Structure formats: C-alpha cells, structure tokens
Amino acid sequence: VQLQASGGGLVQAGGSLRLSCKASGIIFVINSMAWYRRAPEKKRELVAVITGGGSTNYADSVKGRFTISSDNAKNTVYLQMNSLKPGDTAVYYCNGDFNAPLGGEFWGQGTLVTVSS
C-alpha cells in the first residue's frame, strides 16, 4: 500500500488549504486514516483521525478550524484547514491503518504547509 499526499503550500494567516491523501494498493478494510504533523523542532502530533465508520477526533489545537473527511470508495482522506495560523506551519503526513496483505500501518511522504503572518 502506498499513500500519496498533496495539497500543501504557502498561505497567509486566516487562509485555507485542503490536503488530500490517496491510498493505492490492495486494501481489504480501512480501519482508520489520519493526519499528523511535525513542526520544526517539535515532536510529531496527531492532527485528526477518521475511522472506517466515519467517527472523527481532533487535536484540541485544530478543533473548529480543521475538518477531516474520507471517501472510502476512493481510499482517500481529506483535511480541510480553515483559519490557518502560523503555528499550523508543519509537514503534514497522512497515515492509514488498513487490513492489507503486507502489514497494517502505512505513511505518506508528507506535504509542507507554511502559514505566513
């Protein structure tokens, strides 16, 4: 399974971006898909997660601003990011927990989001 993330870029504070991550390969069941981020000199943190059944959870720092959604038919997860702040600047990674032939947890390559003040 491979995860391909896209949608990062440079945006001014208060702006919006939408990240996408498509999983390709043999996937039997999507248990969950998630977005993590790693800011400079900080540890990686969970931003948002969505289960195969559609339940969601968010980091407190993004609640009310970010929305995670998925299209299971397309094996794709999205992260709509609104009201972006400079503190959201980070490399964003998608993660997938799947029932698949070769292991269960997979990571995308990361996409850089830069929010200017």
PDB file of N, CA and C in Angstrom:
ATOM      1  N   VAL A   1       0.854  -1.186   0.000  1.00  0.00           N
ATOM      2  CA  VAL A   1       0.000   0.000   0.000  1.00  0.00           C
ATOM      3  C   VAL A   1       0.887   1.231   0.000  1.00  0.00           C
ATOM      4  N   GLN A   2       0.524   2.209  -0.805  1.00  0.00           N
ATOM      5  CA  GLN A   2       1.230   3.485  -0.834  1.00  0.00           C
ATOM      6  C   GLN A   2       0.238   4.607  -0.585  1.00  0.00           C
ATOM      7  N   LEU A   3       0.696   5.613   0.147  1.00  0.00           N
ATOM      8  CA  LEU A   3      -0.115   6.795   0.420  1.00  0.00           C
ATOM      9  C   LEU A   3       0.534   7.989  -0.261  1.00  0.00           C
ATOM     10  N   GLN A   4      -0.262   8.716  -1.028  1.00  0.00           N
ATOM     11  CA  GLN A   4       0.240   9.879  -1.753  1.00  0.00           C
ATOM     12  C   GLN A   4      -0.507  11.113  -1.278  1.00  0.00           C
ATOM     13  N   ALA A   5       0.208  11.994  -0.602  1.00  0.00           N
ATOM     14  CA  ALA A   5      -0.399  13.220  -0.074  1.00  0.00           C
ATOM     15  C   ALA A   5      -0.145  14.381  -1.017  1.00  0.00           C
ATOM     16  N   SER A   6      -1.084  15.306  -1.030  1.00  0.00           N
ATOM     17  CA  SER A   6      -0.947  16.501  -1.854  1.00  0.00           C
ATOM     18  C   SER A   6      -1.750  17.634  -1.234  1.00  0.00           C
ATOM     19  N   GLY A   7      -1.506  18.844  -1.728  1.00  0.00           N
ATOM     20  CA  GLY A   7      -2.316  19.978  -1.328  1.00  0.00           C
ATOM     21  C   GLY A   7      -1.628  20.986  -0.436  1.00  0.00           C
ATOM     22  N   GLY A   8      -0.411  20.705  -0.007  1.00  0.00           N
ATOM     23  CA  GLY A   8       0.290  21.672   0.824  1.00  0.00           C
ATOM     24  C   GLY A   8       0.701  22.896   0.030  1.00  0.00           C
ATOM     25  N   GLY A   9       1.185  23.904   0.741  1.00  0.00           N
ATOM     26  CA  GLY A   9       1.625  25.113   0.077  1.00  0.00           C
ATOM     27  C   GLY A   9       1.791  26.251   1.058  1.00  0.00           C
ATOM     28  N   LEU A  10       1.920  27.436   0.510  1.00  0.00           N
ATOM     29  CA  LEU A  10       2.091  28.661   1.296  1.00  0.00           C
ATOM     30  C   LEU A  10       0.785  29.431   1.302  1.00  0.00           C
ATOM     31  N   VAL A  11       0.352  29.823   2.500  1.00  0.00           N
ATOM     32  CA  VAL A  11      -0.887  30.564   2.628  1.00  0.00           C
ATOM     33  C   VAL A  11      -0.730  31.605   3.732  1.00  0.00           C
ATOM     34  N   GLN A  12      -1.449  32.685   3.612  1.00  0.00           N
ATOM     35  CA  GLN A  12      -1.416  33.707   4.658  1.00  0.00           C
ATOM     36  C   GLN A  12      -2.282  33.301   5.837  1.00  0.00           C
ATOM     37  N   ALA A  13      -1.966  33.821   6.986  1.00  0.00           N
ATOM     38  CA  ALA A  13      -2.774  33.563   8.170  1.00  0.00           C
ATOM     39  C   ALA A  13      -4.229  33.931   7.894  1.00  0.00           C
ATOM     40  N   GLY A  14      -5.121  33.063   8.344  1.00  0.00           N
ATOM     41  CA  GLY A  14      -6.543  33.255   8.101  1.00  0.00           C
ATOM     42  C   GLY A  14      -7.044  32.552   6.849  1.00  0.00           C
ATOM     43  N   GLY A  15      -6.115  32.074   6.046  1.00  0.00           N
ATOM     44  CA  GLY A  15      -6.485  31.410   4.801  1.00  0.00           C
ATOM     45  C   GLY A  15      -6.829  29.949   5.006  1.00  0.00           C
ATOM     46  N   SER A  16      -7.044  29.270   3.877  1.00  0.00           N
ATOM     47  CA  SER A  16      -7.468  27.870   3.899  1.00  0.00           C
ATOM     48  C   SER A  16      -6.638  27.042   2.923  1.00  0.00           C
ATOM     49  N   LEU A  17      -6.522  25.784   3.262  1.00  0.00           N
ATOM     50  CA  LEU A  17      -5.920  24.798   2.371  1.00  0.00           C
ATOM     51  C   LEU A  17      -6.671  23.484   2.541  1.00  0.00           C
ATOM     52  N   ARG A  18      -6.615  22.674   1.504  1.00  0.00           N
ATOM     53  CA  ARG A  18      -7.210  21.342   1.588  1.00  0.00           C
ATOM     54  C   ARG A  18      -6.164  20.313   1.199  1.00  0.00           C
ATOM     55  N   LEU A  19      -5.880  19.419   2.110  1.00  0.00           N
ATOM     56  CA  LEU A  19      -4.949  18.336   1.852  1.00  0.00           C
ATOM     57  C   LEU A  19      -5.721  17.091   1.422  1.00  0.00           C
ATOM     58  N   SER A  20      -5.098  16.320   0.545  1.00  0.00           N
ATOM     59  CA  SER A  20      -5.670  15.052   0.105  1.00  0.00           C
ATOM     60  C   SER A  20      -4.627  13.962   0.262  1.00  0.00           C
ATOM     61  N   CYS A  21      -5.090  12.767   0.508  1.00  0.00           N
ATOM     62  CA  CYS A  21      -4.177  11.630   0.603  1.00  0.00           C
ATOM     63  C   CYS A  21      -4.891  10.405   0.049  1.00  0.00           C
ATOM     64  N   LYS A  22      -4.329   9.850  -1.000  1.00  0.00           N
ATOM     65  CA  LYS A  22      -4.938   8.686  -1.639  1.00  0.00           C
ATOM     66  C   LYS A  22      -4.094   7.455  -1.375  1.00  0.00           C
ATOM     67  N   ALA A  23      -4.752   6.409  -0.950  1.00  0.00           N
ATOM     68  CA  ALA A  23      -4.098   5.134  -0.725  1.00  0.00           C
ATOM     69  C   ALA A  23      -4.291   4.248  -1.946  1.00  0.00           C
ATOM     70  N   SER A  24      -3.205   3.643  -2.389  1.00  0.00           N
ATOM     71  CA  SER A  24      -3.285   2.742  -3.533  1.00  0.00           C
ATOM     72  C   SER A  24      -2.698   1.392  -3.137  1.00  0.00           C
ATOM     73  N   GLY A  25      -3.186   0.352  -3.799  1.00  0.00           N
ATOM     74  CA  GLY A  25      -2.750  -0.986  -3.463  1.00  0.00           C
ATOM     75  C   GLY A  25      -3.922  -1.831  -2.996  1.00  0.00           C
ATOM     76  N   ILE A  26      -3.613  -3.005  -2.485  1.00  0.00           N
ATOM     77  CA  ILE A  26      -4.663  -3.930  -2.052  1.00  0.00           C
ATOM     78  C   ILE A  26      -5.023  -3.617  -0.607  1.00  0.00           C
ATOM     79  N   ILE A  27      -6.241  -3.183  -0.407  1.00  0.00           N
ATOM     80  CA  ILE A  27      -6.752  -2.842   0.921  1.00  0.00           C
ATOM     81  C   ILE A  27      -8.057  -3.585   1.126  1.00  0.00           C
ATOM     82  N   PHE A  28      -8.118  -4.385   2.159  1.00  0.00           N
ATOM     83  CA  PHE A  28      -9.338  -5.126   2.431  1.00  0.00           C
ATOM     84  C   PHE A  28     -10.324  -4.279   3.234  1.00  0.00           C
ATOM     85  N   VAL A  29      -9.797  -3.640   4.270  1.00  0.00           N
ATOM     86  CA  VAL A  29     -10.651  -2.831   5.135  1.00  0.00           C
ATOM     87  C   VAL A  29      -9.865  -1.597   5.592  1.00  0.00           C
ATOM     88  N   ILE A  30     -10.525  -0.448   5.566  1.00  0.00           N
ATOM     89  CA  ILE A  30      -9.934   0.766   6.141  1.00  0.00           C
ATOM     90  C   ILE A  30     -10.354   0.837   7.602  1.00  0.00           C
ATOM     91  N   ASN A  31      -9.400   0.664   8.489  1.00  0.00           N
ATOM     92  CA  ASN A  31      -9.725   0.807   9.908  1.00  0.00           C
ATOM     93  C   ASN A  31      -9.784   2.281  10.300  1.00  0.00           C
ATOM     94  N   SER A  32      -8.792   3.035   9.851  1.00  0.00           N
ATOM     95  CA  SER A  32      -8.783   4.466  10.092  1.00  0.00           C
ATOM     96  C   SER A  32      -7.764   5.115   9.169  1.00  0.00           C
ATOM     97  N   MET A  33      -7.950   6.418   8.967  1.00  0.00           N
ATOM     98  CA  MET A  33      -6.964   7.236   8.280  1.00  0.00           C
ATOM     99  C   MET A  33      -6.804   8.512   9.079  1.00  0.00           C
ATOM    100  N   ALA A  34      -5.617   9.051   9.058  1.00  0.00           N
ATOM    101  CA  ALA A  34      -5.340  10.176   9.942  1.00  0.00           C
ATOM    102  C   ALA A  34      -4.338  11.125   9.301  1.00  0.00           C
ATOM    103  N   TRP A  35      -4.281  12.313   9.864  1.00  0.00           N
ATOM    104  CA  TRP A  35      -3.265  13.300   9.520  1.00  0.00           C
ATOM    105  C   TRP A  35      -2.452  13.612  10.776  1.00  0.00           C
ATOM    106  N   TYR A  36      -1.148  13.590  10.606  1.00  0.00           N
ATOM    107  CA  TYR A  36      -0.215  14.007  11.641  1.00  0.00           C
ATOM    108  C   TYR A  36       0.563  15.197  11.096  1.00  0.00           C
ATOM    109  N   ARG A  37       1.240  15.880  11.982  1.00  0.00           N
ATOM    110  CA  ARG A  37       2.122  16.954  11.530  1.00  0.00           C
ATOM    111  C   ARG A  37       3.346  17.034  12.429  1.00  0.00           C
ATOM    112  N   ARG A  38       4.401  17.539  11.847  1.00  0.00           N
ATOM    113  CA  ARG A  38       5.634  17.780  12.607  1.00  0.00           C
ATOM    114  C   ARG A  38       6.121  19.166  12.265  1.00  0.00           C
ATOM    115  N   ALA A  39       6.077  20.021  13.266  1.00  0.00           N
ATOM    116  CA  ALA A  39       6.581  21.383  13.105  1.00  0.00           C
ATOM    117  C   ALA A  39       8.074  21.383  13.410  1.00  0.00           C
ATOM    118  N   PRO A  40       8.784  22.410  12.930  1.00  0.00           N
ATOM    119  CA  PRO A  40      10.219  22.479  13.199  1.00  0.00           C
ATOM    120  C   PRO A  40      10.531  22.392  14.690  1.00  0.00           C
ATOM    121  N   GLU A  41      11.429  21.520  15.048  1.00  0.00           N
ATOM    122  CA  GLU A  41      11.903  21.350  16.424  1.00  0.00           C
ATOM    123  C   GLU A  41      10.808  20.902  17.387  1.00  0.00           C
ATOM    124  N   LYS A  42       9.777  20.294  16.850  1.00  0.00           N
ATOM    125  CA  LYS A  42       8.705  19.756  17.696  1.00  0.00           C
ATOM    126  C   LYS A  42       8.472  18.293  17.349  1.00  0.00           C
ATOM    127  N   LYS A  43       7.821  17.612  18.250  1.00  0.00           N
ATOM    128  CA  LYS A  43       7.505  16.212  18.012  1.00  0.00           C
ATOM    129  C   LYS A  43       6.303  16.097  17.080  1.00  0.00           C
ATOM    130  N   ARG A  44       6.223  14.951  16.433  1.00  0.00           N
ATOM    131  CA  ARG A  44       5.063  14.702  15.589  1.00  0.00           C
ATOM    132  C   ARG A  44       3.812  14.619  16.455  1.00  0.00           C
ATOM    133  N   GLU A  45       2.724  15.200  15.959  1.00  0.00           N
ATOM    134  CA  GLU A  45       1.472  15.159  16.719  1.00  0.00           C
ATOM    135  C   GLU A  45       0.322  14.754  15.807  1.00  0.00           C
ATOM    136  N   LEU A  46      -0.644  14.109  16.411  1.00  0.00           N
ATOM    137  CA  LEU A  46      -1.854  13.737  15.697  1.00  0.00           C
ATOM    138  C   LEU A  46      -2.715  14.975  15.512  1.00  0.00           C
ATOM    139  N   VAL A  47      -3.134  15.215  14.294  1.00  0.00           N
ATOM    140  CA  VAL A  47      -3.997  16.354  13.992  1.00  0.00           C
ATOM    141  C   VAL A  47      -5.468  15.934  13.985  1.00  0.00           C
ATOM    142  N   ALA A  48      -5.767  14.886  13.239  1.00  0.00           N
ATOM    143  CA  ALA A  48      -7.149  14.424  13.114  1.00  0.00           C
ATOM    144  C   ALA A  48      -7.151  12.993  12.630  1.00  0.00           C
ATOM    145  N   VAL A  49      -8.183  12.265  13.013  1.00  0.00           N
ATOM    146  CA  VAL A  49      -8.319  10.871  12.606  1.00  0.00           C
ATOM    147  C   VAL A  49      -9.773  10.598  12.273  1.00  0.00           C
ATOM    148  N   ILE A  50      -9.981   9.739  11.296  1.00  0.00           N
ATOM    149  CA  ILE A  50     -11.333   9.315  10.936  1.00  0.00           C
ATOM    150  C   ILE A  50     -11.326   7.797  10.803  1.00  0.00           C
ATOM    151  N   THR A  51     -12.286   7.145  11.424  1.00  0.00           N
ATOM    152  CA  THR A  51     -12.364   5.696  11.342  1.00  0.00           C
ATOM    153  C   THR A  51     -13.076   5.276  10.062  1.00  0.00           C
ATOM    154  N   GLY A  52     -13.010   4.005   9.774  1.00  0.00           N
ATOM    155  CA  GLY A  52     -13.713   3.496   8.612  1.00  0.00           C
ATOM    156  C   GLY A  52     -15.221   3.709   8.704  1.00  0.00           C
ATOM    157  N   GLY A  53     -15.712   3.811   9.928  1.00  0.00           N
ATOM    158  CA  GLY A  53     -17.133   4.053  10.130  1.00  0.00           C
ATOM    159  C   GLY A  53     -17.516   5.515  10.134  1.00  0.00           C
ATOM    160  N   GLY A  54     -16.509   6.387  10.048  1.00  0.00           N
ATOM    161  CA  GLY A  54     -16.791   7.810   9.938  1.00  0.00           C
ATOM    162  C   GLY A  54     -16.653   8.611  11.224  1.00  0.00           C
ATOM    163  N   SER A  55     -16.276   7.973  12.315  1.00  0.00           N
ATOM    164  CA  SER A  55     -16.062   8.723  13.547  1.00  0.00           C
ATOM    165  C   SER A  55     -14.772   9.536  13.431  1.00  0.00           C
ATOM    166  N   THR A  56     -14.787  10.722  14.018  1.00  0.00           N
ATOM    167  CA  THR A  56     -13.644  11.621  13.909  1.00  0.00           C
ATOM    168  C   THR A  56     -13.157  12.076  15.279  1.00  0.00           C
ATOM    169  N   ASN A  57     -11.897  12.460  15.306  1.00  0.00           N
ATOM    170  CA  ASN A  57     -11.324  13.024  16.509  1.00  0.00           C
ATOM    171  C   ASN A  57     -10.263  14.023  16.090  1.00  0.00           C
ATOM    172  N   TYR A  58     -10.111  15.083  16.870  1.00  0.00           N
ATOM    173  CA  TYR A  58      -9.209  16.166  16.512  1.00  0.00           C
ATOM    174  C   TYR A  58      -8.321  16.560  17.684  1.00  0.00           C
ATOM    175  N   ALA A  59      -7.167  17.070  17.356  1.00  0.00           N
ATOM    176  CA  ALA A  59      -6.343  17.705  18.364  1.00  0.00           C
ATOM    177  C   ALA A  59      -7.063  18.971  18.826  1.00  0.00           C
ATOM    178  N   ASP A  60      -6.913  19.303  20.095  1.00  0.00           N
ATOM    179  CA  ASP A  60      -7.587  20.489  20.619  1.00  0.00           C
ATOM    180  C   ASP A  60      -7.189  21.745  19.853  1.00  0.00           C
ATOM    181  N   SER A  61      -5.969  21.788  19.392  1.00  0.00           N
ATOM    182  CA  SER A  61      -5.463  22.994  18.737  1.00  0.00           C
ATOM    183  C   SER A  61      -6.116  23.268  17.384  1.00  0.00           C
ATOM    184  N   VAL A  62      -6.797  22.272  16.811  1.00  0.00           N
ATOM    185  CA  VAL A  62      -7.389  22.469  15.486  1.00  0.00           C
ATOM    186  C   VAL A  62      -8.905  22.338  15.496  1.00  0.00           C
ATOM    187  N   LYS A  63      -9.471  21.987  16.622  1.00  0.00           N
ATOM    188  CA  LYS A  63     -10.933  21.829  16.697  1.00  0.00           C
ATOM    189  C   LYS A  63     -11.622  23.108  16.275  1.00  0.00           C
ATOM    190  N   GLY A  64     -12.642  22.960  15.440  1.00  0.00           N
ATOM    191  CA  GLY A  64     -13.389  24.107  14.967  1.00  0.00           C
ATOM    192  C   GLY A  64     -12.788  24.777  13.748  1.00  0.00           C
ATOM    193  N   ARG A  65     -11.559  24.413  13.403  1.00  0.00           N
ATOM    194  CA  ARG A  65     -10.904  25.012  12.229  1.00  0.00           C
ATOM    195  C   ARG A  65     -10.626  23.982  11.135  1.00  0.00           C
ATOM    196  N   PHE A  66     -10.297  22.758  11.540  1.00  0.00           N
ATOM    197  CA  PHE A  66      -9.961  21.703  10.583  1.00  0.00           C
ATOM    198  C   PHE A  66     -11.086  20.680  10.529  1.00  0.00           C
ATOM    199  N   THR A  67     -11.286  20.108   9.349  1.00  0.00           N
ATOM    200  CA  THR A  67     -12.272  19.052   9.177  1.00  0.00           C
ATOM    201  C   THR A  67     -11.657  17.907   8.382  1.00  0.00           C
ATOM    202  N   ILE A  68     -11.717  16.713   8.951  1.00  0.00           N
ATOM    203  CA  ILE A  68     -11.239  15.523   8.250  1.00  0.00           C
ATOM    204  C   ILE A  68     -12.433  14.798   7.659  1.00  0.00           C
ATOM    205  N   SER A  69     -12.262  14.312   6.450  1.00  0.00           N
ATOM    206  CA  SER A  69     -13.313  13.551   5.791  1.00  0.00           C
ATOM    207  C   SER A  69     -12.665  12.484   4.922  1.00  0.00           C
ATOM    208  N   SER A  70     -13.467  11.566   4.470  1.00  0.00           N
ATOM    209  CA  SER A  70     -12.912  10.488   3.656  1.00  0.00           C
ATOM    210  C   SER A  70     -13.900  10.032   2.600  1.00  0.00           C
ATOM    211  N   ASP A  71     -13.363   9.464   1.566  1.00  0.00           N
ATOM    212  CA  ASP A  71     -14.151   8.817   0.531  1.00  0.00           C
ATOM    213  C   ASP A  71     -13.621   7.391   0.457  1.00  0.00           C
ATOM    214  N   ASN A  72     -14.270   6.492   1.157  1.00  0.00           N
ATOM    215  CA  ASN A  72     -13.752   5.131   1.245  1.00  0.00           C
ATOM    216  C   ASN A  72     -13.734   4.430  -0.104  1.00  0.00           C
ATOM    217  N   ALA A  73     -14.650   4.784  -0.972  1.00  0.00           N
ATOM    218  CA  ALA A  73     -14.673   4.168  -2.297  1.00  0.00           C
ATOM    219  C   ALA A  73     -13.416   4.521  -3.088  1.00  0.00           C
ATOM    220  N   LYS A  74     -12.835   5.686  -2.773  1.00  0.00           N
ATOM    221  CA  LYS A  74     -11.624   6.138  -3.451  1.00  0.00           C
ATOM    222  C   LYS A  74     -10.389   5.960  -2.582  1.00  0.00           C
ATOM    223  N   ASN A  75     -10.562   5.383  -1.389  1.00  0.00           N
ATOM    224  CA  ASN A  75      -9.436   5.209  -0.453  1.00  0.00           C
ATOM    225  C   ASN A  75      -8.694   6.523  -0.234  1.00  0.00           C
ATOM    226  N   THR A  76      -9.449   7.583  -0.066  1.00  0.00           N
ATOM    227  CA  THR A  76      -8.866   8.920   0.032  1.00  0.00           C
ATOM    228  C   THR A  76      -9.361   9.618   1.288  1.00  0.00           C
ATOM    229  N   VAL A  77      -8.446  10.300   1.939  1.00  0.00           N
ATOM    230  CA  VAL A  77      -8.792  11.108   3.103  1.00  0.00           C
ATOM    231  C   VAL A  77      -8.418  12.558   2.807  1.00  0.00           C
ATOM    232  N   TYR A  78      -9.206  13.459   3.344  1.00  0.00           N
ATOM    233  CA  TYR A  78      -9.018  14.893   3.120  1.00  0.00           C
ATOM    234  C   TYR A  78      -8.869  15.607   4.466  1.00  0.00           C
ATOM    235  N   LEU A  79      -8.195  16.725   4.429  1.00  0.00           N
ATOM    236  CA  LEU A  79      -8.127  17.593   5.597  1.00  0.00           C
ATOM    237  C   LEU A  79      -8.370  19.021   5.130  1.00  0.00           C
ATOM    238  N   GLN A  80      -9.549  19.531   5.446  1.00  0.00           N
ATOM    239  CA  GLN A  80      -9.874  20.916   5.147  1.00  0.00           C
ATOM    240  C   GLN A  80      -9.391  21.772   6.303  1.00  0.00           C
ATOM    241  N   MET A  81      -8.509  22.703   6.017  1.00  0.00           N
ATOM    242  CA  MET A  81      -7.916  23.538   7.055  1.00  0.00           C
ATOM    243  C   MET A  81      -8.322  24.983   6.813  1.00  0.00           C
ATOM    244  N   ASN A  82      -9.082  25.527   7.745  1.00  0.00           N
ATOM    245  CA  ASN A  82      -9.538  26.912   7.665  1.00  0.00           C
ATOM    246  C   ASN A  82      -8.930  27.729   8.806  1.00  0.00           C
ATOM    247  N   SER A  83      -8.996  29.032   8.662  1.00  0.00           N
ATOM    248  CA  SER A  83      -8.489  29.945   9.696  1.00  0.00           C
ATOM    249  C   SER A  83      -7.080  29.546  10.122  1.00  0.00           C
ATOM    250  N   LEU A  84      -6.246  29.333   9.146  1.00  0.00           N
ATOM    251  CA  LEU A  84      -4.893  28.854   9.429  1.00  0.00           C
ATOM    252  C   LEU A  84      -4.093  29.904  10.193  1.00  0.00           C
ATOM    253  N   LYS A  85      -3.221  29.391  11.065  1.00  0.00           N
ATOM    254  CA  LYS A  85      -2.372  30.231  11.890  1.00  0.00           C
ATOM    255  C   LYS A  85      -0.906  29.893  11.607  1.00  0.00           C
ATOM    256  N   PRO A  86      -0.007  30.824  11.888  1.00  0.00           N
ATOM    257  CA  PRO A  86       1.417  30.495  11.706  1.00  0.00           C
ATOM    258  C   PRO A  86       1.832  29.247  12.480  1.00  0.00           C
ATOM    259  N   GLY A  87       1.204  28.989  13.605  1.00  0.00           N
ATOM    260  CA  GLY A  87       1.511  27.805  14.394  1.00  0.00           C
ATOM    261  C   GLY A  87       1.117  26.507  13.730  1.00  0.00           C
ATOM    262  N   ASP A  88       0.348  26.582  12.647  1.00  0.00           N
ATOM    263  CA  ASP A  88      -0.014  25.377  11.900  1.00  0.00           C
ATOM    264  C   ASP A  88       1.068  24.982  10.900  1.00  0.00           C
ATOM    265  N   THR A  89       2.085  25.820  10.759  1.00  0.00           N
ATOM    266  CA  THR A  89       3.169  25.505   9.842  1.00  0.00           C
ATOM    267  C   THR A  89       3.855  24.209  10.246  1.00  0.00           C
ATOM    268  N   ALA A  90       3.915  23.272   9.306  1.00  0.00           N
ATOM    269  CA  ALA A  90       4.475  21.951   9.614  1.00  0.00           C
ATOM    270  C   ALA A  90       4.480  21.120   8.337  1.00  0.00           C
ATOM    271  N   VAL A  91       5.157  19.999   8.414  1.00  0.00           N
ATOM    272  CA  VAL A  91       4.993  18.972   7.397  1.00  0.00           C
ATOM    273  C   VAL A  91       3.862  18.064   7.855  1.00  0.00           C
ATOM    274  N   TYR A  92       2.887  17.892   6.997  1.00  0.00           N
ATOM    275  CA  TYR A  92       1.704  17.089   7.318  1.00  0.00           C
ATOM    276  C   TYR A  92       1.840  15.720   6.649  1.00  0.00           C
ATOM    277  N   TYR A  93       1.619  14.699   7.447  1.00  0.00           N
ATOM    278  CA  TYR A  93       1.744  13.317   6.973  1.00  0.00           C
ATOM    279  C   TYR A  93       0.396  12.618   7.103  1.00  0.00           C
ATOM    280  N   CYS A  94       0.044  11.865   6.083  1.00  0.00           N
ATOM    281  CA  CYS A  94      -1.153  11.041   6.221  1.00  0.00           C
ATOM    282  C   CYS A  94      -0.753   9.639   6.663  1.00  0.00           C
ATOM    283  N   ASN A  95      -1.644   9.029   7.353  1.00  0.00           N
ATOM    284  CA  ASN A  95      -1.419   7.708   7.941  1.00  0.00           C
ATOM    285  C   ASN A  95      -2.649   6.867   7.696  1.00  0.00           C
ATOM    286  N   GLY A  96      -2.412   5.611   7.377  1.00  0.00           N
ATOM    287  CA  GLY A  96      -3.530   4.707   7.170  1.00  0.00           C
ATOM    288  C   GLY A  96      -3.348   3.421   7.944  1.00  0.00           C
ATOM    289  N   ASP A  97      -4.398   2.999   8.600  1.00  0.00           N
ATOM    290  CA  ASP A  97      -4.412   1.720   9.310  1.00  0.00           C
ATOM    291  C   ASP A  97      -5.388   0.823   8.554  1.00  0.00           C
ATOM    292  N   PHE A  98      -4.835  -0.149   7.853  1.00  0.00           N
ATOM    293  CA  PHE A  98      -5.657  -0.964   6.964  1.00  0.00           C
ATOM    294  C   PHE A  98      -5.509  -2.445   7.274  1.00  0.00           C
ATOM    295  N   ASN A  99      -6.516  -3.205   6.951  1.00  0.00           N
ATOM    296  CA  ASN A  99      -6.349  -4.646   6.802  1.00  0.00           C
ATOM    297  C   ASN A  99      -5.863  -4.854   5.366  1.00  0.00           C
ATOM    298  N   ALA A 100      -4.606  -5.207   5.245  1.00  0.00           N
ATOM    299  CA  ALA A 100      -3.966  -5.311   3.929  1.00  0.00           C
ATOM    300  C   ALA A 100      -3.019  -6.499   3.947  1.00  0.00           C
ATOM    301  N   PRO A 101      -2.640  -6.997   2.776  1.00  0.00           N
ATOM    302  CA  PRO A 101      -1.795  -8.196   2.718  1.00  0.00           C
ATOM    303  C   PRO A 101      -0.434  -8.029   3.385  1.00  0.00           C
ATOM    304  N   LEU A 102       0.145  -6.807   3.336  1.00  0.00           N
ATOM    305  CA  LEU A 102       1.515  -6.640   3.817  1.00  0.00           C
ATOM    306  C   LEU A 102       1.572  -5.646   4.970  1.00  0.00           C
ATOM    307  N   GLY A 103       0.974  -5.976   6.065  1.00  0.00           N
ATOM    308  CA  GLY A 103       1.060  -5.100   7.213  1.00  0.00           C
ATOM    309  C   GLY A 103      -0.140  -4.203   7.354  1.00  0.00           C
ATOM    310  N   GLY A 104      -0.204  -3.451   8.486  1.00  0.00           N
ATOM    311  CA  GLY A 104      -1.402  -2.708   8.794  1.00  0.00           C
ATOM    312  C   GLY A 104      -1.307  -1.208   8.791  1.00  0.00           C
ATOM    313  N   GLU A 105      -0.109  -0.631   9.053  1.00  0.00           N
ATOM    314  CA  GLU A 105       0.010   0.821   9.182  1.00  0.00           C
ATOM    315  C   GLU A 105       0.956   1.348   8.103  1.00  0.00           C
ATOM    316  N   PHE A 106       0.496   2.419   7.461  1.00  0.00           N
ATOM    317  CA  PHE A 106       1.249   2.983   6.344  1.00  0.00           C
ATOM    318  C   PHE A 106       1.309   4.495   6.469  1.00  0.00           C
ATOM    319  N   TRP A 107       2.389   5.075   5.911  1.00  0.00           N
ATOM    320  CA  TRP A 107       2.600   6.523   5.973  1.00  0.00           C
ATOM    321  C   TRP A 107       2.824   7.098   4.584  1.00  0.00           C
ATOM    322  N   GLY A 108       2.309   8.303   4.390  1.00  0.00           N
ATOM    323  CA  GLY A 108       2.592   9.047   3.182  1.00  0.00           C
ATOM    324  C   GLY A 108       3.902   9.793   3.310  1.00  0.00           C
ATOM    325  N   GLN A 109       4.270  10.502   2.259  1.00  0.00           N
ATOM    326  CA  GLN A 109       5.581  11.140   2.198  1.00  0.00           C
ATOM    327  C   GLN A 109       5.633  12.507   2.853  1.00  0.00           C
ATOM    328  N   GLY A 110       4.505  13.061   3.203  1.00  0.00           N
ATOM    329  CA  GLY A 110       4.489  14.372   3.822  1.00  0.00           C
ATOM    330  C   GLY A 110       4.300  15.489   2.817  1.00  0.00           C
ATOM    331  N   THR A 111       3.571  16.497   3.235  1.00  0.00           N
ATOM    332  CA  THR A 111       3.375  17.685   2.406  1.00  0.00           C
ATOM    333  C   THR A 111       3.518  18.909   3.303  1.00  0.00           C
ATOM    334  N   LEU A 112       4.272  19.892   2.840  1.00  0.00           N
ATOM    335  CA  LEU A 112       4.607  21.055   3.659  1.00  0.00           C
ATOM    336  C   LEU A 112       3.512  22.110   3.590  1.00  0.00           C
ATOM    337  N   VAL A 113       3.089  22.542   4.751  1.00  0.00           N
ATOM    338  CA  VAL A 113       2.147  23.651   4.882  1.00  0.00           C
ATOM    339  C   VAL A 113       2.869  24.787   5.598  1.00  0.00           C
ATOM    340  N   THR A 114       2.900  25.945   4.955  1.00  0.00           N
ATOM    341  CA  THR A 114       3.546  27.118   5.539  1.00  0.00           C
ATOM    342  C   THR A 114       2.519  28.231   5.629  1.00  0.00           C
ATOM    343  N   VAL A 115       2.327  28.740   6.838  1.00  0.00           N
ATOM    344  CA  VAL A 115       1.369  29.811   7.067  1.00  0.00           C
ATOM    345  C   VAL A 115       2.144  31.062   7.460  1.00  0.00           C
ATOM    346  N   SER A 116       2.031  32.090   6.655  1.00  0.00           N
ATOM    347  CA  SER A 116       2.752  33.334   6.925  1.00  0.00           C
ATOM    348  C   SER A 116       1.875  34.299   7.707  1.00  0.00           C
ATOM    349  N   SER A 117       2.515  35.088   8.527  1.00  0.00           N
ATOM    350  CA  SER A 117       1.763  36.051   9.361  1.00  0.00           C
ATOM    351  C   SER A 117       1.577  37.376   8.640  1.00  0.00           C
TER     352      SER A 117
END
